[in-house]
Amino acid sequence: MIKLGEWQNLVIIKKVVFGVYLACTPQEKEERVLLPGRQVPEGSKVGDWIKVFVYRDSDDRMIATVHTPGLVMGDVAELTVVQVGRIGAFLDWGLEKDLFLPYRQQKRHVREGEKVLVSLYIDKSGRLCATTNVYENLRTDSPYQKDDRVRGRVYEISDNFGAFVAVDNRYSALIPQKELYGKVELGEDIEARVIEVREDGRLTLGIREKAYLQIGQDSEKILQLLDSYDGVLPFTEKADPEVIRRETGMSKNEFKRAIGHLLKTGVIEIKNSVIRRTGR
């Protein structure tokens, strides 16, 4: 059976003026696919096997190519949006016919010139299309270990689970909801730390450093926030956790640690339920 979206070895069963017809076996009479003449290796003859990639041309006919596409079935790749139309977008994947990305397969509407992370699927009409639903095709055999630093693309955000990340655009990872601080956006490239390598191989990430490393960054952030409030912060570590998270991007415990550090160094003081820069 000839498979769309995959590399496969097919045999030449017939030569014509405009190319050669390929099939899975020399005896095949029905299912065959054309390899255009300009791509047929010189000296090829009936009975020779050729490694080709199979997709559909502009007339939705199966066509073979020896050119390497930017994406194959079962993989994930970053492709560039070359056009946005009424029913979806078209991506450059290195073949003559651009790859269609339907609106319903987009986590958010993409823009022309943008690079998007996608996988292949075959739609109900038997056409190869792209989808931003890449979870099932991300690998779980990453080389990373606990505390390693990684980079990845946020491809989905869930209110229940957190932010799903494709590390190196290849490996499956999650920033749990409790580890999300500040603003993390869909399609954003982020740096993170590996908190855990799960038994199934997927990575659990955090976007903040370990507490003893993070405290300096948090302290500096609070000082900058104080300066934006003219040296007086109208809440303390006793404020509601949601207020603290909204204003600082920190959890209540992290905020308390940073405030304690700043108190010890003498650069702030707490009086009358406010935090104040000293010397002001």
C-alpha atoms as a PDB file:
ATOM      1  CA  MET A   1       0.000   0.000   0.000  1.00  0.00           C
ATOM      2  CA  ILE A   2       1.364   3.403  -0.984  1.00  0.00           C
ATOM      3  CA  LYS A   3       1.452   5.652   2.096  1.00  0.00           C
ATOM      4  CA  LEU A   4       0.910   9.403   2.028  1.00  0.00           C
ATOM      5  CA  GLY A   5       3.339  11.580   3.921  1.00  0.00           C
ATOM      6  CA  GLU A   6       6.038   8.933   4.276  1.00  0.00           C
ATOM      7  CA  TRP A   7       9.306   7.875   2.699  1.00  0.00           C
ATOM      8  CA  GLN A   8       9.057   4.461   1.041  1.00  0.00           C
ATOM      9  CA  ASN A   9      10.868   2.288  -1.474  1.00  0.00           C
ATOM     10  CA  LEU A  10       8.781   1.798  -4.610  1.00  0.00           C
ATOM     11  CA  VAL A  11       9.552  -0.058  -7.813  1.00  0.00           C
ATOM     12  CA  ILE A  12       9.357   1.285 -11.380  1.00  0.00           C
ATOM     13  CA  ILE A  13       6.598  -0.625 -13.200  1.00  0.00           C
ATOM     14  CA  LYS A  14       6.215   1.597 -16.260  1.00  0.00           C
ATOM     15  CA  LYS A  15       8.158   4.322 -18.072  1.00  0.00           C
ATOM     16  CA  VAL A  16       6.308   7.127 -19.885  1.00  0.00           C
ATOM     17  CA  VAL A  17       7.388  10.325 -21.638  1.00  0.00           C
ATOM     18  CA  PHE A  18       6.660  12.479 -18.558  1.00  0.00           C
ATOM     19  CA  GLY A  19       8.201  10.188 -15.922  1.00  0.00           C
ATOM     20  CA  VAL A  20       7.848   6.743 -14.387  1.00  0.00           C
ATOM     21  CA  TYR A  21       5.063   4.996 -12.546  1.00  0.00           C
ATOM     22  CA  LEU A  22       5.941   3.421  -9.218  1.00  0.00           C
ATOM     23  CA  ALA A  23       4.221   0.712  -7.170  1.00  0.00           C
ATOM     24  CA  CYS A  24       4.756  -1.333  -4.023  1.00  0.00           C
ATOM     25  CA  THR A  25       5.462  -4.528  -5.998  1.00  0.00           C
ATOM     26  CA  PRO A  26       6.468  -5.320  -9.595  1.00  0.00           C
ATOM     27  CA  GLN A  27       3.152  -7.158 -10.064  1.00  0.00           C
ATOM     28  CA  GLU A  28       0.931  -4.260  -8.946  1.00  0.00           C
ATOM     29  CA  LYS A  29      -1.548  -3.221 -11.666  1.00  0.00           C
ATOM     30  CA  GLU A  30      -3.931  -0.833  -9.867  1.00  0.00           C
ATOM     31  CA  GLU A  31      -2.223   1.308  -7.197  1.00  0.00           C
ATOM     32  CA  ARG A  32       0.611   3.327  -8.639  1.00  0.00           C
ATOM     33  CA  VAL A  33       2.072   6.810  -8.362  1.00  0.00           C
ATOM     34  CA  LEU A  34       3.918   9.058 -10.800  1.00  0.00           C
ATOM     35  CA  LEU A  35       7.472  10.259 -10.285  1.00  0.00           C
ATOM     36  CA  PRO A  36       7.933  13.222 -12.685  1.00  0.00           C
ATOM     37  CA  GLY A  37      10.610  12.790 -15.340  1.00  0.00           C
ATOM     38  CA  ARG A  38      12.890  15.588 -14.065  1.00  0.00           C
ATOM     39  CA  GLN A  39      13.248  13.680 -10.766  1.00  0.00           C
ATOM     40  CA  VAL A  40      13.880  10.210 -12.199  1.00  0.00           C
ATOM     41  CA  PRO A  41      17.502   9.138 -11.563  1.00  0.00           C
ATOM     42  CA  GLU A  42      19.487   8.887 -14.773  1.00  0.00           C
ATOM     43  CA  GLY A  43      19.640   5.369 -16.176  1.00  0.00           C
ATOM     44  CA  SER A  44      16.613   4.138 -14.230  1.00  0.00           C
ATOM     45  CA  LYS A  45      14.677   1.252 -15.787  1.00  0.00           C
ATOM     46  CA  VAL A  46      11.622  -0.882 -15.100  1.00  0.00           C
ATOM     47  CA  GLY A  47      12.261  -3.070 -12.058  1.00  0.00           C
ATOM     48  CA  ASP A  48      14.502  -0.541 -10.282  1.00  0.00           C
ATOM     49  CA  TRP A  49      13.585   0.519  -6.746  1.00  0.00           C
ATOM     50  CA  ILE A  50      13.564   4.211  -5.780  1.00  0.00           C
ATOM     51  CA  LYS A  51      13.158   5.832  -2.361  1.00  0.00           C
ATOM     52  CA  VAL A  52      10.457   8.515  -2.639  1.00  0.00           C
ATOM     53  CA  PHE A  53       8.156  10.686  -0.543  1.00  0.00           C
ATOM     54  CA  VAL A  54       4.468  10.606  -1.537  1.00  0.00           C
ATOM     55  CA  TYR A  55       2.033  13.526  -1.244  1.00  0.00           C
ATOM     56  CA  ARG A  56      -0.756  15.088  -3.336  1.00  0.00           C
ATOM     57  CA  ASP A  57      -0.242  17.656  -6.074  1.00  0.00           C
ATOM     58  CA  SER A  58      -2.338  20.764  -6.810  1.00  0.00           C
ATOM     59  CA  ASP A  59      -4.998  18.569  -8.461  1.00  0.00           C
ATOM     60  CA  ASP A  60      -5.117  16.276  -5.400  1.00  0.00           C
ATOM     61  CA  ARG A  61      -3.456  13.422  -7.299  1.00  0.00           C
ATOM     62  CA  MET A  62      -0.877  11.285  -5.507  1.00  0.00           C
ATOM     63  CA  ILE A  63       2.592  12.259  -6.661  1.00  0.00           C
ATOM     64  CA  ALA A  64       6.069  10.995  -5.720  1.00  0.00           C
ATOM     65  CA  THR A  65       9.177  13.087  -5.168  1.00  0.00           C
ATOM     66  CA  VAL A  66      12.818  12.437  -4.355  1.00  0.00           C
ATOM     67  CA  HIS A  67      13.056  15.897  -2.763  1.00  0.00           C
ATOM     68  CA  THR A  68      13.184  16.067   1.020  1.00  0.00           C
ATOM     69  CA  PRO A  69      10.088  17.669   2.621  1.00  0.00           C
ATOM     70  CA  GLY A  70      10.274  19.770   5.754  1.00  0.00           C
ATOM     71  CA  LEU A  71       7.944  17.376   7.564  1.00  0.00           C
ATOM     72  CA  VAL A  72       7.006  13.686   7.413  1.00  0.00           C
ATOM     73  CA  MET A  73       4.200  11.739   9.045  1.00  0.00           C
ATOM     74  CA  GLY A  74       4.789  11.113  12.744  1.00  0.00           C
ATOM     75  CA  ASP A  75       7.290  13.943  13.205  1.00  0.00           C
ATOM     76  CA  VAL A  76       7.119  17.562  14.375  1.00  0.00           C
ATOM     77  CA  ALA A  77       8.705  20.493  12.539  1.00  0.00           C
ATOM     78  CA  GLU A  78       8.756  24.281  12.487  1.00  0.00           C
ATOM     79  CA  LEU A  79       7.448  25.596   9.157  1.00  0.00           C
ATOM     80  CA  THR A  80       6.948  29.128   7.824  1.00  0.00           C
ATOM     81  CA  VAL A  81       3.496  30.532   6.996  1.00  0.00           C
ATOM     82  CA  VAL A  82       3.613  31.796   3.403  1.00  0.00           C
ATOM     83  CA  GLN A  83      -0.058  32.718   3.009  1.00  0.00           C
ATOM     84  CA  VAL A  84      -3.180  33.115   5.130  1.00  0.00           C
ATOM     85  CA  GLY A  85      -6.503  32.564   3.393  1.00  0.00           C
ATOM     86  CA  ARG A  86     -10.196  32.395   4.109  1.00  0.00           C
ATOM     87  CA  ILE A  87     -10.198  28.782   5.360  1.00  0.00           C
ATOM     88  CA  GLY A  88      -6.698  28.457   6.739  1.00  0.00           C
ATOM     89  CA  ALA A  89      -3.010  29.029   6.131  1.00  0.00           C
ATOM     90  CA  PHE A  90      -0.412  27.585   3.794  1.00  0.00           C
ATOM     91  CA  LEU A  91       3.047  26.531   4.947  1.00  0.00           C
ATOM     92  CA  ASP A  92       6.331  26.200   3.082  1.00  0.00           C
ATOM     93  CA  TRP A  93       7.581  22.631   3.488  1.00  0.00           C
ATOM     94  CA  GLY A  94      10.015  22.523   0.607  1.00  0.00           C
ATOM     95  CA  LEU A  95       7.721  20.927  -2.004  1.00  0.00           C
ATOM     96  CA  GLU A  96       5.974  22.424  -5.041  1.00  0.00           C
ATOM     97  CA  LYS A  97       2.566  22.454  -3.355  1.00  0.00           C
ATOM     98  CA  ASP A  98       2.402  24.321  -0.025  1.00  0.00           C
ATOM     99  CA  LEU A  99       1.040  22.462   3.008  1.00  0.00           C
ATOM    100  CA  PHE A 100      -2.469  23.437   4.155  1.00  0.00           C
ATOM    101  CA  LEU A 101      -3.092  24.288   7.827  1.00  0.00           C
ATOM    102  CA  PRO A 102      -6.878  24.559   8.416  1.00  0.00           C
ATOM    103  CA  TYR A 103      -8.182  27.117  10.897  1.00  0.00           C
ATOM    104  CA  ARG A 104      -9.725  24.356  13.004  1.00  0.00           C
ATOM    105  CA  GLN A 105      -6.256  22.827  13.436  1.00  0.00           C
ATOM    106  CA  GLN A 106      -4.753  26.068  14.785  1.00  0.00           C
ATOM    107  CA  LYS A 107      -4.502  26.725  18.527  1.00  0.00           C
ATOM    108  CA  ARG A 108      -4.548  30.394  17.572  1.00  0.00           C
ATOM    109  CA  HIS A 109      -4.728  32.089  14.192  1.00  0.00           C
ATOM    110  CA  VAL A 110      -1.272  32.211  12.615  1.00  0.00           C
ATOM    111  CA  ARG A 111       0.217  35.132  10.684  1.00  0.00           C
ATOM    112  CA  GLU A 112       2.084  35.322   7.387  1.00  0.00           C
ATOM    113  CA  GLY A 113       5.844  35.004   7.903  1.00  0.00           C
ATOM    114  CA  GLU A 114       5.423  33.333  11.307  1.00  0.00           C
ATOM    115  CA  LYS A 115       7.115  30.030  12.105  1.00  0.00           C
ATOM    116  CA  VAL A 116       4.691  27.466  13.526  1.00  0.00           C
ATOM    117  CA  LEU A 117       5.213  24.043  15.082  1.00  0.00           C
ATOM    118  CA  VAL A 118       3.131  21.426  13.278  1.00  0.00           C
ATOM    119  CA  SER A 119       2.602  17.725  12.536  1.00  0.00           C
ATOM    120  CA  LEU A 120       1.027  15.978   9.551  1.00  0.00           C
ATOM    121  CA  TYR A 121      -2.343  14.240   9.386  1.00  0.00           C
ATOM    122  CA  ILE A 122      -4.631  12.938   6.639  1.00  0.00           C
ATOM    123  CA  ASP A 123      -8.047  14.632   6.574  1.00  0.00           C
ATOM    124  CA  LYS A 124     -11.396  13.026   5.731  1.00  0.00           C
ATOM    125  CA  SER A 125     -10.839  13.762   2.041  1.00  0.00           C
ATOM    126  CA  GLY A 126      -7.538  11.882   2.039  1.00  0.00           C
ATOM    127  CA  ARG A 127      -5.401  15.029   1.828  1.00  0.00           C
ATOM    128  CA  LEU A 128      -2.208  15.705   3.745  1.00  0.00           C
ATOM    129  CA  CYS A 129      -2.685  18.664   6.091  1.00  0.00           C
ATOM    130  CA  ALA A 130      -0.859  20.282   8.977  1.00  0.00           C
ATOM    131  CA  THR A 131      -2.008  20.571  12.585  1.00  0.00           C
ATOM    132  CA  THR A 132      -0.681  22.404  15.621  1.00  0.00           C
ATOM    133  CA  ASN A 133      -1.871  19.491  17.783  1.00  0.00           C
ATOM    134  CA  VAL A 134       1.617  18.018  18.091  1.00  0.00           C
ATOM    135  CA  TYR A 135       1.425  16.284  21.509  1.00  0.00           C
ATOM    136  CA  GLU A 136       1.159  12.719  20.191  1.00  0.00           C
ATOM    137  CA  ASN A 137       4.174  13.127  17.913  1.00  0.00           C
ATOM    138  CA  LEU A 138       6.615  14.592  20.425  1.00  0.00           C
ATOM    139  CA  ARG A 139       9.378  12.260  21.546  1.00  0.00           C
ATOM    140  CA  THR A 140       9.959  11.026  25.098  1.00  0.00           C
ATOM    141  CA  ASP A 141      13.620  10.027  24.785  1.00  0.00           C
ATOM    142  CA  SER A 142      15.273  13.372  25.474  1.00  0.00           C
ATOM    143  CA  PRO A 143      18.914  13.453  26.642  1.00  0.00           C
ATOM    144  CA  TYR A 144      18.103  15.917  29.432  1.00  0.00           C
ATOM    145  CA  GLN A 145      18.370  15.285  33.168  1.00  0.00           C
ATOM    146  CA  LYS A 146      17.152  17.012  36.328  1.00  0.00           C
ATOM    147  CA  ASP A 147      18.381  20.640  36.635  1.00  0.00           C
ATOM    148  CA  ASP A 148      19.427  20.866  32.967  1.00  0.00           C
ATOM    149  CA  ARG A 149      18.544  24.111  31.188  1.00  0.00           C
ATOM    150  CA  VAL A 150      16.388  23.719  28.075  1.00  0.00           C
ATOM    151  CA  ARG A 151      14.658  25.812  25.411  1.00  0.00           C
ATOM    152  CA  GLY A 152      11.282  25.071  23.890  1.00  0.00           C
ATOM    153  CA  ARG A 153       8.116  26.323  22.212  1.00  0.00           C
ATOM    154  CA  VAL A 154       4.842  26.660  24.159  1.00  0.00           C
ATOM    155  CA  TYR A 155       2.306  24.909  21.898  1.00  0.00           C
ATOM    156  CA  GLU A 156      -0.691  24.598  24.235  1.00  0.00           C
ATOM    157  CA  ILE A 157      -1.895  26.163  27.493  1.00  0.00           C
ATOM    158  CA  SER A 158      -4.365  24.393  29.777  1.00  0.00           C
ATOM    159  CA  ASP A 159      -6.085  25.951  32.788  1.00  0.00           C
ATOM    160  CA  ASN A 160      -5.956  22.528  34.478  1.00  0.00           C
ATOM    161  CA  PHE A 161      -2.488  21.257  33.626  1.00  0.00           C
ATOM    162  CA  GLY A 162      -0.298  24.227  32.722  1.00  0.00           C
ATOM    163  CA  ALA A 163       1.774  25.025  29.634  1.00  0.00           C
ATOM    164  CA  PHE A 164       2.758  22.248  27.231  1.00  0.00           C
ATOM    165  CA  VAL A 165       6.206  22.747  25.724  1.00  0.00           C
ATOM    166  CA  ALA A 166       8.059  21.168  22.804  1.00  0.00           C
ATOM    167  CA  VAL A 167      11.675  21.184  23.992  1.00  0.00           C
ATOM    168  CA  ASP A 168      14.023  21.654  21.026  1.00  0.00           C
ATOM    169  CA  ASN A 169      10.807  21.416  18.945  1.00  0.00           C
ATOM    170  CA  ARG A 170      11.114  17.680  19.528  1.00  0.00           C
ATOM    171  CA  TYR A 171      10.635  16.476  23.121  1.00  0.00           C
ATOM    172  CA  SER A 172       7.466  16.429  25.236  1.00  0.00           C
ATOM    173  CA  ALA A 173       7.430  18.635  28.341  1.00  0.00           C
ATOM    174  CA  LEU A 174       5.019  20.387  30.714  1.00  0.00           C
ATOM    175  CA  ILE A 175       5.276  23.439  32.953  1.00  0.00           C
ATOM    176  CA  PRO A 176       2.717  22.554  35.666  1.00  0.00           C
ATOM    177  CA  GLN A 177       0.170  25.190  36.635  1.00  0.00           C
ATOM    178  CA  LYS A 178       1.871  25.724  40.013  1.00  0.00           C
ATOM    179  CA  GLU A 179       5.151  26.539  38.212  1.00  0.00           C
ATOM    180  CA  LEU A 180       3.652  29.174  35.900  1.00  0.00           C
ATOM    181  CA  TYR A 181       4.753  32.657  36.883  1.00  0.00           C
ATOM    182  CA  GLY A 182       4.351  35.861  34.955  1.00  0.00           C
ATOM    183  CA  LYS A 183       2.982  35.839  31.425  1.00  0.00           C
ATOM    184  CA  VAL A 184       3.565  32.719  29.321  1.00  0.00           C
ATOM    185  CA  GLU A 185       1.999  32.938  25.870  1.00  0.00           C
ATOM    186  CA  LEU A 186       1.011  30.385  23.258  1.00  0.00           C
ATOM    187  CA  GLY A 187       3.699  30.154  20.565  1.00  0.00           C
ATOM    188  CA  GLU A 188       6.339  31.725  22.814  1.00  0.00           C
ATOM    189  CA  ASP A 189       9.889  30.354  22.983  1.00  0.00           C
ATOM    190  CA  ILE A 190      10.955  29.977  26.605  1.00  0.00           C
ATOM    191  CA  GLU A 191      13.952  28.916  28.674  1.00  0.00           C
ATOM    192  CA  ALA A 192      13.308  26.565  31.562  1.00  0.00           C
ATOM    193  CA  ARG A 193      14.878  24.172  34.054  1.00  0.00           C
ATOM    194  CA  VAL A 194      14.156  20.446  34.144  1.00  0.00           C
ATOM    195  CA  ILE A 195      12.493  19.726  37.474  1.00  0.00           C
ATOM    196  CA  GLU A 196      11.847  16.056  36.793  1.00  0.00           C
ATOM    197  CA  VAL A 197      12.193  13.395  34.130  1.00  0.00           C
ATOM    198  CA  ARG A 198       9.015  11.336  34.473  1.00  0.00           C
ATOM    199  CA  GLU A 199       8.889   7.553  34.194  1.00  0.00           C
ATOM    200  CA  ASP A 200       7.299   7.874  30.751  1.00  0.00           C
ATOM    201  CA  GLY A 201      10.214  10.062  29.605  1.00  0.00           C
ATOM    202  CA  ARG A 202       8.293  13.325  29.484  1.00  0.00           C
ATOM    203  CA  LEU A 203       9.894  16.351  31.127  1.00  0.00           C
ATOM    204  CA  THR A 204       8.487  18.499  33.919  1.00  0.00           C
ATOM    205  CA  LEU A 205       9.825  22.047  33.686  1.00  0.00           C
ATOM    206  CA  GLY A 206      10.042  25.150  35.833  1.00  0.00           C
ATOM    207  CA  ILE A 207      10.695  28.649  34.546  1.00  0.00           C
ATOM    208  CA  ARG A 208      12.155  29.850  37.829  1.00  0.00           C
ATOM    209  CA  GLU A 209      15.513  29.008  39.345  1.00  0.00           C
ATOM    210  CA  LYS A 210      16.051  27.059  42.559  1.00  0.00           C
ATOM    211  CA  ALA A 211      15.060  29.132  45.601  1.00  0.00           C
ATOM    212  CA  TYR A 212      18.615  30.077  46.635  1.00  0.00           C
ATOM    213  CA  LEU A 213      19.359  31.284  43.083  1.00  0.00           C
ATOM    214  CA  GLN A 214      15.991  32.898  42.454  1.00  0.00           C
ATOM    215  CA  ILE A 215      15.973  35.040  45.587  1.00  0.00           C
ATOM    216  CA  GLY A 216      18.397  37.565  44.103  1.00  0.00           C
ATOM    217  CA  GLN A 217      16.310  37.988  40.954  1.00  0.00           C
ATOM    218  CA  ASP A 218      13.111  38.275  42.991  1.00  0.00           C
ATOM    219  CA  SER A 219      14.686  40.864  45.280  1.00  0.00           C
ATOM    220  CA  GLU A 220      15.760  42.969  42.316  1.00  0.00           C
ATOM    221  CA  LYS A 221      12.274  42.706  40.838  1.00  0.00           C
ATOM    222  CA  ILE A 222      10.723  43.961  44.074  1.00  0.00           C
ATOM    223  CA  LEU A 223      13.112  46.922  44.147  1.00  0.00           C
ATOM    224  CA  GLN A 224      12.153  47.817  40.580  1.00  0.00           C
ATOM    225  CA  LEU A 225       8.477  47.525  41.543  1.00  0.00           C
ATOM    226  CA  LEU A 226       9.099  49.793  44.537  1.00  0.00           C
ATOM    227  CA  ASP A 227      10.698  52.391  42.289  1.00  0.00           C
ATOM    228  CA  SER A 228       7.640  52.290  40.010  1.00  0.00           C
ATOM    229  CA  TYR A 229       5.487  53.015  43.111  1.00  0.00           C
ATOM    230  CA  ASP A 230       7.733  55.962  44.151  1.00  0.00           C
ATOM    231  CA  GLY A 231       9.414  53.852  46.817  1.00  0.00           C
ATOM    232  CA  VAL A 232       6.275  52.646  48.608  1.00  0.00           C
ATOM    233  CA  LEU A 233       4.589  49.292  47.909  1.00  0.00           C
ATOM    234  CA  PRO A 234       0.961  49.369  49.150  1.00  0.00           C
ATOM    235  CA  PHE A 235       0.947  45.744  50.326  1.00  0.00           C
ATOM    236  CA  THR A 236       3.183  43.380  52.304  1.00  0.00           C
ATOM    237  CA  GLU A 237       3.830  39.629  52.496  1.00  0.00           C
ATOM    238  CA  LYS A 238       0.525  39.363  54.419  1.00  0.00           C
ATOM    239  CA  ALA A 239      -1.497  40.305  51.332  1.00  0.00           C
ATOM    240  CA  ASP A 240      -3.749  37.864  49.509  1.00  0.00           C
ATOM    241  CA  PRO A 241      -1.681  35.377  47.441  1.00  0.00           C
ATOM    242  CA  GLU A 242      -3.533  36.378  44.268  1.00  0.00           C
ATOM    243  CA  VAL A 243      -2.639  40.055  44.796  1.00  0.00           C
ATOM    244  CA  ILE A 244       1.018  39.109  45.234  1.00  0.00           C
ATOM    245  CA  ARG A 245       1.010  36.889  42.144  1.00  0.00           C
ATOM    246  CA  ARG A 246      -0.768  39.519  40.022  1.00  0.00           C
ATOM    247  CA  GLU A 247       1.576  42.335  41.030  1.00  0.00           C
ATOM    248  CA  THR A 248       4.896  40.460  41.213  1.00  0.00           C
ATOM    249  CA  GLY A 249       4.540  37.160  39.338  1.00  0.00           C
ATOM    250  CA  MET A 250       5.691  35.354  42.513  1.00  0.00           C
ATOM    251  CA  SER A 251       4.061  32.954  44.906  1.00  0.00           C
ATOM    252  CA  LYS A 252       3.455  34.184  48.460  1.00  0.00           C
ATOM    253  CA  ASN A 253       6.364  32.110  49.812  1.00  0.00           C
ATOM    254  CA  GLU A 254       8.754  33.436  47.174  1.00  0.00           C
ATOM    255  CA  PHE A 255       7.671  36.994  47.884  1.00  0.00           C
ATOM    256  CA  LYS A 256       8.219  36.465  51.616  1.00  0.00           C
ATOM    257  CA  ARG A 257      11.716  35.071  51.031  1.00  0.00           C
ATOM    258  CA  ALA A 258      12.700  38.042  48.866  1.00  0.00           C
ATOM    259  CA  ILE A 259      11.234  40.544  51.347  1.00  0.00           C
ATOM    260  CA  GLY A 260      13.133  38.851  54.189  1.00  0.00           C
ATOM    261  CA  HIS A 261      16.357  39.101  52.194  1.00  0.00           C
ATOM    262  CA  LEU A 262      15.786  42.821  51.495  1.00  0.00           C
ATOM    263  CA  LEU A 263      14.979  43.500  55.158  1.00  0.00           C
ATOM    264  CA  LYS A 264      18.253  41.866  56.219  1.00  0.00           C
ATOM    265  CA  THR A 265      20.234  44.004  53.798  1.00  0.00           C
ATOM    266  CA  GLY A 266      18.495  47.122  55.101  1.00  0.00           C
ATOM    267  CA  VAL A 267      17.247  48.475  51.783  1.00  0.00           C
ATOM    268  CA  ILE A 268      13.570  48.274  52.770  1.00  0.00           C
ATOM    269  CA  GLU A 269      11.428  48.601  55.871  1.00  0.00           C
ATOM    270  CA  ILE A 270       7.856  47.603  56.694  1.00  0.00           C
ATOM    271  CA  LYS A 271       5.649  50.097  58.531  1.00  0.00           C
ATOM    272  CA  ASN A 272       1.903  50.637  58.658  1.00  0.00           C
ATOM    273  CA  SER A 273       1.185  47.717  56.293  1.00  0.00           C
ATOM    274  CA  VAL A 274       3.364  49.081  53.489  1.00  0.00           C
ATOM    275  CA  ILE A 275       6.861  48.295  52.238  1.00  0.00           C
ATOM    276  CA  ARG A 276       9.097  51.328  51.896  1.00  0.00           C
ATOM    277  CA  ARG A 277      12.528  51.923  50.416  1.00  0.00           C
ATOM    278  CA  THR A 278      14.831  53.106  53.200  1.00  0.00           C
ATOM    279  CA  GLY A 279      16.246  56.609  52.932  1.00  0.00           C
ATOM    280  CA  ARG A 280      13.038  57.992  51.404  1.00  0.00           C
END
